[in-house]
Protein backbone atom coordinates (compact mmCIF):
# COMPACT_ATOMS: atom_id res chain seq x y z
CA UNK A 1 115.38 104.30 110.59
CA UNK A 2 114.30 101.45 112.58
CA UNK A 3 111.11 102.67 114.30
CA UNK A 4 108.45 100.79 116.26
CA UNK A 5 105.49 102.39 118.08
CA UNK A 6 102.73 100.90 120.22
CA UNK A 7 100.24 103.07 121.89
CA UNK A 8 99.35 101.96 125.56
CA UNK A 9 96.27 99.79 125.71
CA UNK A 10 93.90 101.93 127.47
CA UNK A 11 90.95 99.64 128.17
CA UNK A 12 91.12 98.12 124.60
CA UNK A 13 89.97 94.66 124.20
CA UNK A 14 92.02 93.72 121.12
CA UNK A 15 95.55 94.07 120.01
CA UNK A 16 96.67 97.62 119.90
CA UNK A 17 97.77 98.68 116.25
CA UNK A 18 101.38 99.21 115.72
CA UNK A 19 103.73 100.20 112.90
CA UNK A 20 107.29 99.12 112.28
CA UNK A 21 109.58 100.94 109.86
CA UNK A 22 112.90 99.76 108.47
CA UNK A 23 115.30 101.10 105.75
CA UNK A 24 115.10 99.27 102.41
CA UNK A 25 118.46 97.66 101.25
CA UNK A 26 119.71 98.67 97.84
CA UNK A 27 117.40 101.63 97.20
CA UNK A 28 116.26 104.77 98.92
CA UNK A 29 113.09 104.08 100.91
CA UNK A 30 111.45 102.16 103.92
CA UNK A 31 109.44 98.96 104.28
CA UNK A 32 106.56 99.41 106.96
CA UNK A 33 104.48 96.83 108.70
CA UNK A 34 101.31 97.23 110.53
CA UNK A 35 98.50 99.90 110.31
CA UNK A 36 98.51 103.69 109.82
CA UNK A 37 95.89 104.88 112.09
CA UNK A 38 95.52 107.63 114.78
CA UNK A 39 97.83 105.99 117.24
CA UNK A 40 100.47 105.29 114.68
CA UNK A 41 100.16 108.45 112.59
CA UNK A 42 103.06 110.21 114.25
CA UNK A 43 105.40 107.54 112.97
CA UNK A 44 104.04 107.63 109.46
CA UNK A 45 104.24 111.41 109.35
CA UNK A 46 107.79 111.17 110.66
CA UNK A 47 108.75 108.81 107.78
CA UNK A 48 107.18 111.15 105.24
CA UNK A 49 108.97 114.10 106.34
CA UNK A 50 112.28 112.43 106.49
CA UNK A 51 111.68 111.27 102.82
CA UNK A 52 110.79 114.89 101.76
CA UNK A 53 114.16 115.84 103.28
CA UNK A 54 116.11 113.08 101.57
CA UNK A 55 115.88 115.07 98.14
CA UNK A 56 115.84 111.74 96.31
CA UNK A 57 114.13 111.61 92.76
CA UNK A 58 112.28 108.48 93.82
CA UNK A 59 111.64 107.34 97.35
CA UNK A 60 110.19 103.97 97.73
CA UNK A 61 107.54 103.02 100.27
CA UNK A 62 107.35 99.29 100.52
CA UNK A 63 103.88 98.68 102.09
CA UNK A 64 103.19 94.86 101.38
CA UNK A 65 103.13 94.38 105.20
CA UNK A 66 100.87 97.23 106.03
CA UNK A 67 97.15 96.15 106.44
CA UNK A 68 95.45 99.38 106.60
CA UNK A 69 96.01 103.14 106.04
CA UNK A 70 93.15 105.41 107.25
CA UNK A 71 92.20 108.52 105.16
CA UNK A 72 94.24 110.92 107.30
CA UNK A 73 97.34 108.58 106.54
CA UNK A 74 96.58 108.75 102.80
CA UNK A 75 96.09 112.63 103.20
CA UNK A 76 99.67 112.74 104.91
CA UNK A 77 100.98 110.80 102.07
CA UNK A 78 99.50 113.27 99.54
CA UNK A 79 100.70 116.45 101.59
CA UNK A 80 104.26 114.99 101.61
CA UNK A 81 104.24 114.31 97.91
CA UNK A 82 103.05 117.86 97.27
CA UNK A 83 106.18 118.99 98.97
CA UNK A 84 108.57 116.88 96.59
CA UNK A 85 110.41 118.95 93.90
CA UNK A 86 109.62 118.89 90.16
CA UNK A 87 110.08 115.39 88.91
CA UNK A 88 110.33 113.81 92.25
CA UNK A 89 107.86 111.11 93.37
CA UNK A 90 107.07 108.28 95.94
CA UNK A 91 106.72 104.96 94.65
CA UNK A 92 104.28 103.00 96.84
CA UNK A 93 104.67 99.32 96.40
CA UNK A 94 101.92 96.93 97.20
CA UNK A 95 99.91 99.19 99.37
CA UNK A 96 96.78 97.89 101.18
CA UNK A 97 93.42 98.06 99.15
CA UNK A 98 91.95 100.90 101.29
CA UNK A 99 94.97 103.16 100.44
CA UNK A 100 94.72 102.43 96.71
CA UNK A 101 91.04 103.15 96.80
CA UNK A 102 91.54 106.42 98.84
CA UNK A 103 94.25 107.73 96.58
CA UNK A 104 92.33 106.84 93.36
CA UNK A 105 89.29 108.67 94.91
CA UNK A 106 90.72 111.78 96.41
CA UNK A 107 94.06 112.21 94.54
CA UNK A 108 93.63 110.23 91.13
CA UNK A 109 96.07 112.42 89.27
CA UNK A 110 98.72 113.25 91.94
CA UNK A 111 102.08 113.28 89.93
CA UNK A 112 104.06 112.74 93.29
CA UNK A 113 102.67 109.40 93.83
CA UNK A 114 103.20 106.37 91.83
CA UNK A 115 101.32 103.18 93.10
CA UNK A 116 102.84 99.75 92.03
CA UNK A 117 100.80 96.85 93.00
CA UNK A 118 103.41 94.20 92.00
């Protein structure tokens, strides 16, 4: 899974947000870089759908190079975690502060999501 997406710059003045996704070596999961916003949400949701289909006990999402995840992206993560079977979880490593705050506020006790800041 080596996916990159950039939306066309329709009159934008700044750089267009992008999201790159690469498989992790040595463990089941992906490393992402960029932003999860409206223009990149399809990639994010595709990653999460694939992770649910993997049927692993632990699926790692390395997000140290992700600068922002909007509320809809956090909701997609929570929804995907809700589809995981009993005892399975996403381990979200080094998420951006906005994602940590959103998860703590809206899904504080979600058993399918473990957030690791180290």
